[in-house]
């Protein structure tokens, strides 16, 4: 599906383990994501999907295994400076929008490039205005989060993540808290980014969307990857009984 063989992995996760106390959340997960690919991670709640994303962008340290994003060996990063360099290359959008309520949409988008990357305000503002257009929110620059719908807030959060000009975007169930109408607006925005070739890893419960946009689908259960492959294979002809059982529940 991807137009750019030879494929180069930009994200590589190798045998990653993570426990919280006595609970083993990731039990040896491995995946590769090539530049320009959209990869969807599906599976029941509590199967380790969100934890995997947080390990990829260094929000939580792994217990064992390796995580590479571009030139970053994430599992070895320790200092704030190293983490900032990583966060410039990999941005995450969460289920909760985490916008600052006392800042306008425009200010929310501008904060990190100015404060973290020390980029010039004028250049960042121009980019932020462009990004609001991109997520179809021009005219909302001076609106506060409380004046926006959930779907609009989530699109501001996506624009804020894009403002860092990441090489990789992580989406963690970004539509889970939205009603059907605003969910659609957010999915349209994500589809556009994927079509433009932005490398994306999406944890999602939106099976039809995953089937439509993903280059690869990973099905996780109880901290392991049970099955992965092209969407037509995983959804249309799953090889593992556990995958079939899950898909019968959700499709």
Protein backbone atom coordinates (compact mmCIF):
# COMPACT_ATOMS: atom_id res chain seq x y z
CA UNK A 1 0.00 0.00 0.00
CA UNK A 2 2.83 2.35 0.89
CA UNK A 3 4.37 4.12 -2.10
CA UNK A 4 7.89 4.19 -0.76
CA UNK A 5 9.78 0.92 -0.80
CA UNK A 6 12.54 0.31 0.33
CA UNK A 7 10.88 0.74 3.69
CA UNK A 8 12.85 2.22 6.55
CA UNK A 9 11.56 1.66 10.07
CA UNK A 10 11.30 4.97 11.94
CA UNK A 11 9.87 3.29 15.06
CA UNK A 12 11.19 -0.02 16.33
CA UNK A 13 9.96 -1.66 19.51
CA UNK A 14 11.82 -4.84 20.46
CA UNK A 15 10.69 -7.24 23.22
CA UNK A 16 9.41 -4.48 25.53
CA UNK A 17 8.35 -5.43 29.06
CA UNK A 18 6.66 -3.13 31.56
CA UNK A 19 5.16 -3.86 34.98
CA UNK A 20 3.34 -1.60 37.42
CA UNK A 21 3.89 -3.20 40.80
CA UNK A 22 3.06 -6.88 40.38
CA UNK A 23 0.95 -6.31 37.26
CA UNK A 24 2.76 -7.15 34.04
CA UNK A 25 1.24 -4.79 31.47
CA UNK A 26 3.60 -5.37 28.53
CA UNK A 27 4.98 -8.88 28.19
CA UNK A 28 7.43 -8.73 25.34
CA UNK A 29 5.87 -6.48 22.68
CA UNK A 30 7.64 -5.90 19.36
CA UNK A 31 6.59 -3.79 16.37
CA UNK A 32 8.06 -1.79 13.52
CA UNK A 33 6.57 1.27 11.85
CA UNK A 34 7.98 2.51 8.56
CA UNK A 35 8.22 6.16 7.57
CA UNK A 36 4.87 7.35 6.20
CA UNK A 37 2.91 4.40 7.57
CA UNK A 38 -0.25 4.49 9.66
CA UNK A 39 -0.32 1.63 12.15
CA UNK A 40 -3.42 0.89 14.21
CA UNK A 41 -3.24 -0.96 17.52
CA UNK A 42 -6.50 -2.64 18.53
CA UNK A 43 -7.48 -4.90 21.40
CA UNK A 44 -9.55 -5.10 24.58
CA UNK A 45 -9.21 -2.52 27.34
CA UNK A 46 -6.27 -3.23 29.61
CA UNK A 47 -4.27 -5.06 26.93
CA UNK A 48 -1.36 -2.61 27.16
CA UNK A 49 -2.08 -0.43 24.10
CA UNK A 50 -1.84 2.97 25.82
CA UNK A 51 1.18 1.87 27.86
CA UNK A 52 2.93 0.93 24.62
CA UNK A 53 2.40 4.45 23.24
CA UNK A 54 3.71 6.02 26.44
CA UNK A 55 6.85 3.85 26.22
CA UNK A 56 7.41 4.96 22.62
CA UNK A 57 7.47 8.65 23.55
CA UNK A 58 9.38 8.15 26.79
CA UNK A 59 6.55 9.11 29.16
CA UNK A 60 7.15 5.88 31.05
CA UNK A 61 10.43 3.97 31.13
CA UNK A 62 10.54 0.36 29.95
CA UNK A 63 11.68 -2.40 32.32
CA UNK A 64 13.29 -4.45 29.57
CA UNK A 65 13.63 -4.30 25.80
CA UNK A 66 14.43 -1.54 23.32
CA UNK A 67 12.52 1.37 21.79
CA UNK A 68 13.95 3.35 18.89
CA UNK A 69 12.36 6.41 17.27
CA UNK A 70 14.51 7.68 14.42
CA UNK A 71 17.93 8.36 15.94
CA UNK A 72 16.64 8.20 19.54
CA UNK A 73 17.25 5.10 21.67
CA UNK A 74 14.28 5.90 23.90
CA UNK A 75 15.01 3.13 26.43
CA UNK A 76 18.36 4.80 27.19
CA UNK A 77 17.21 8.42 27.53
CA UNK A 78 17.68 9.92 30.98
CA UNK A 79 18.13 13.70 30.86
CA UNK A 80 15.55 16.43 30.26
CA UNK A 81 17.51 17.61 27.28
CA UNK A 82 17.38 14.17 25.65
CA UNK A 83 13.64 13.94 26.38
CA UNK A 84 12.97 17.35 24.80
CA UNK A 85 14.83 16.26 21.65
CA UNK A 86 12.67 13.12 21.55
CA UNK A 87 9.40 15.02 22.13
CA UNK A 88 10.25 17.26 19.21
CA UNK A 89 10.22 14.19 16.98
CA UNK A 90 7.30 12.29 18.48
CA UNK A 91 4.07 13.95 19.64
CA UNK A 92 1.17 12.29 21.44
CA UNK A 93 -2.52 13.22 21.48
CA UNK A 94 -4.49 11.84 24.42
CA UNK A 95 -8.11 10.93 24.98
CA UNK A 96 -8.39 13.94 27.34
CA UNK A 97 -7.51 17.12 25.50
CA UNK A 98 -5.29 18.52 28.30
CA UNK A 99 -5.67 22.08 26.97
CA UNK A 100 -4.94 25.00 29.28
CA UNK A 101 -8.40 26.43 30.05
CA UNK A 102 -7.13 30.01 30.58
CA UNK A 103 -5.33 30.10 27.21
CA UNK A 104 -6.98 30.60 23.80
CA UNK A 105 -6.82 27.94 21.09
CA UNK A 106 -4.01 29.89 19.42
CA UNK A 107 -2.04 30.31 22.67
CA UNK A 108 -2.40 26.59 23.49
CA UNK A 109 -0.85 25.69 20.14
CA UNK A 110 1.98 28.24 20.45
CA UNK A 111 3.15 27.38 23.97
CA UNK A 112 5.45 24.40 23.42
CA UNK A 113 7.33 25.65 20.32
CA UNK A 114 8.04 28.96 22.11
CA UNK A 115 8.74 27.68 25.63
CA UNK A 116 10.32 24.29 24.90
CA UNK A 117 11.94 24.79 21.50
CA UNK A 118 12.61 28.53 22.01
CA UNK A 119 11.36 29.34 18.51
CA UNK A 120 10.54 32.96 17.53
CA UNK A 121 7.02 34.01 18.49
CA UNK A 122 6.12 35.50 15.12
CA UNK A 123 7.06 32.38 13.18
CA UNK A 124 5.24 30.14 15.68
CA UNK A 125 2.09 32.27 15.50
CA UNK A 126 2.02 32.04 11.72
CA UNK A 127 2.39 28.27 11.93
CA UNK A 128 -0.29 28.01 14.63
CA UNK A 129 -2.78 29.95 12.48
CA UNK A 130 -2.02 27.65 9.52
CA UNK A 131 -2.53 24.59 11.72
CA UNK A 132 -5.90 25.85 12.94
CA UNK A 133 -6.91 26.18 9.28
CA UNK A 134 -5.62 22.67 8.63
CA UNK A 135 -7.84 21.20 11.36
CA UNK A 136 -10.72 23.34 10.04
CA UNK A 137 -10.91 25.71 13.01
CA UNK A 138 -10.04 29.05 11.41
CA UNK A 139 -12.05 31.73 13.19
CA UNK A 140 -11.57 29.97 16.56
CA UNK A 141 -8.09 31.41 17.27
CA UNK A 142 -9.31 33.49 20.23
CA UNK A 143 -11.78 30.97 21.63
CA UNK A 144 -11.05 29.40 25.00
CA UNK A 145 -11.38 25.61 25.43
CA UNK A 146 -14.58 26.06 27.45
CA UNK A 147 -16.18 27.73 24.42
CA UNK A 148 -15.38 24.80 22.10
CA UNK A 149 -17.07 21.44 21.65
CA UNK A 150 -15.19 18.26 22.58
CA UNK A 151 -14.38 17.58 18.93
CA UNK A 152 -13.10 21.11 18.46
CA UNK A 153 -10.93 20.86 21.58
CA UNK A 154 -9.50 17.56 20.34
CA UNK A 155 -8.64 19.18 16.99
CA UNK A 156 -6.88 22.01 18.84
CA UNK A 157 -4.94 19.29 20.71
CA UNK A 158 -3.98 17.71 17.37
CA UNK A 159 -2.85 21.10 16.02
CA UNK A 160 -0.85 21.64 19.22
CA UNK A 161 0.93 18.30 18.70
CA UNK A 162 1.61 19.16 15.04
CA UNK A 163 3.11 22.51 16.05
CA UNK A 164 6.22 20.64 17.22
CA UNK A 165 6.64 19.37 13.62
CA UNK A 166 7.00 15.77 14.77
CA UNK A 167 8.21 12.93 12.55
CA UNK A 168 5.80 10.56 14.32
CA UNK A 169 2.34 11.17 15.77
CA UNK A 170 0.80 8.96 18.44
CA UNK A 171 -2.98 9.00 18.92
CA UNK A 172 -4.29 7.40 22.11
CA UNK A 173 -8.00 6.65 21.69
CA UNK A 174 -8.56 10.28 20.75
CA UNK A 175 -12.24 9.78 19.88
CA UNK A 176 -13.23 7.71 22.92
CA UNK A 177 -14.79 10.61 24.84
CA UNK A 178 -16.61 12.18 21.88
CA UNK A 179 -20.16 11.91 20.59
CA UNK A 180 -20.64 10.46 17.07
CA UNK A 181 -20.85 13.80 15.24
CA UNK A 182 -17.71 15.37 16.73
CA UNK A 183 -15.93 12.02 16.49
CA UNK A 184 -16.32 12.17 12.73
CA UNK A 185 -14.69 15.64 12.56
CA UNK A 186 -11.65 14.33 14.41
CA UNK A 187 -11.37 11.18 12.26
CA UNK A 188 -11.54 13.31 9.08
CA UNK A 189 -8.62 15.38 10.43
CA UNK A 190 -6.56 12.27 11.23
CA UNK A 191 -7.34 10.68 7.86
CA UNK A 192 -6.04 13.81 6.12
CA UNK A 193 -2.75 13.65 8.07
CA UNK A 194 -2.33 9.97 7.21
CA UNK A 195 -3.01 10.66 3.54
CA UNK A 196 -0.32 13.35 3.62
CA UNK A 197 2.12 10.68 4.77
CA UNK A 198 2.54 11.59 8.44
CA UNK A 199 3.87 8.51 10.26
CA UNK A 200 1.16 7.65 12.80
CA UNK A 201 0.49 5.05 15.48
CA UNK A 202 -3.14 4.98 16.56
CA UNK A 203 -4.62 3.12 19.50
CA UNK A 204 -8.28 2.99 18.52
CA UNK A 205 -11.64 1.31 19.05
CA UNK A 206 -12.81 2.63 15.67
CA UNK A 207 -12.57 -0.62 13.70
CA UNK A 208 -14.02 0.65 10.40
CA UNK A 209 -11.61 3.59 10.51
CA UNK A 210 -8.64 1.33 11.29
CA UNK A 211 -9.56 -0.96 8.43
CA UNK A 212 -9.78 1.98 6.05
CA UNK A 213 -6.63 3.99 6.90
CA UNK A 214 -4.10 1.56 8.38
CA UNK A 215 -1.17 0.11 6.48
CA UNK A 216 -0.73 -2.40 9.32
CA UNK A 217 -2.91 -3.50 12.24
CA UNK A 218 -1.62 -4.97 15.50
CA UNK A 219 -4.04 -6.88 17.75
CA UNK A 220 -2.92 -6.94 21.39
CA UNK A 221 -4.25 -8.92 24.31
CA UNK A 222 -2.93 -9.25 27.87
CA UNK A 223 0.30 -7.44 27.08
CA UNK A 224 1.33 -9.39 24.00
CA UNK A 225 0.81 -8.91 20.28
CA UNK A 226 -1.40 -11.79 19.23
CA UNK A 227 -1.49 -11.05 15.52
CA UNK A 228 -0.51 -8.37 13.06
CA UNK A 229 -0.72 -7.78 9.35
CA UNK A 230 -2.48 -5.80 6.64
CA UNK A 231 -5.98 -4.65 7.67
CA UNK A 232 -7.67 -6.84 5.07
CA UNK A 233 -5.94 -9.87 6.56
CA UNK A 234 -6.44 -9.07 10.28
CA UNK A 235 -10.08 -8.00 9.84
CA UNK A 236 -11.03 -10.18 6.89
CA UNK A 237 -9.17 -13.41 7.61
CA UNK A 238 -7.73 -13.44 11.15
CA UNK A 239 -5.42 -16.38 11.79
CA UNK A 240 -5.74 -16.58 15.58
CA UNK A 241 -8.80 -17.71 17.50
CA UNK A 242 -8.31 -14.89 20.04
CA UNK A 243 -8.39 -12.27 17.25
CA UNK A 244 -11.54 -13.83 15.77
CA UNK A 245 -13.26 -13.83 19.18
CA UNK A 246 -12.40 -10.17 19.77
CA UNK A 247 -13.56 -9.06 16.31
CA UNK A 248 -16.85 -10.96 16.69
CA UNK A 249 -17.50 -8.86 19.81
CA UNK A 250 -16.73 -5.49 18.24
CA UNK A 251 -17.65 -5.71 14.55
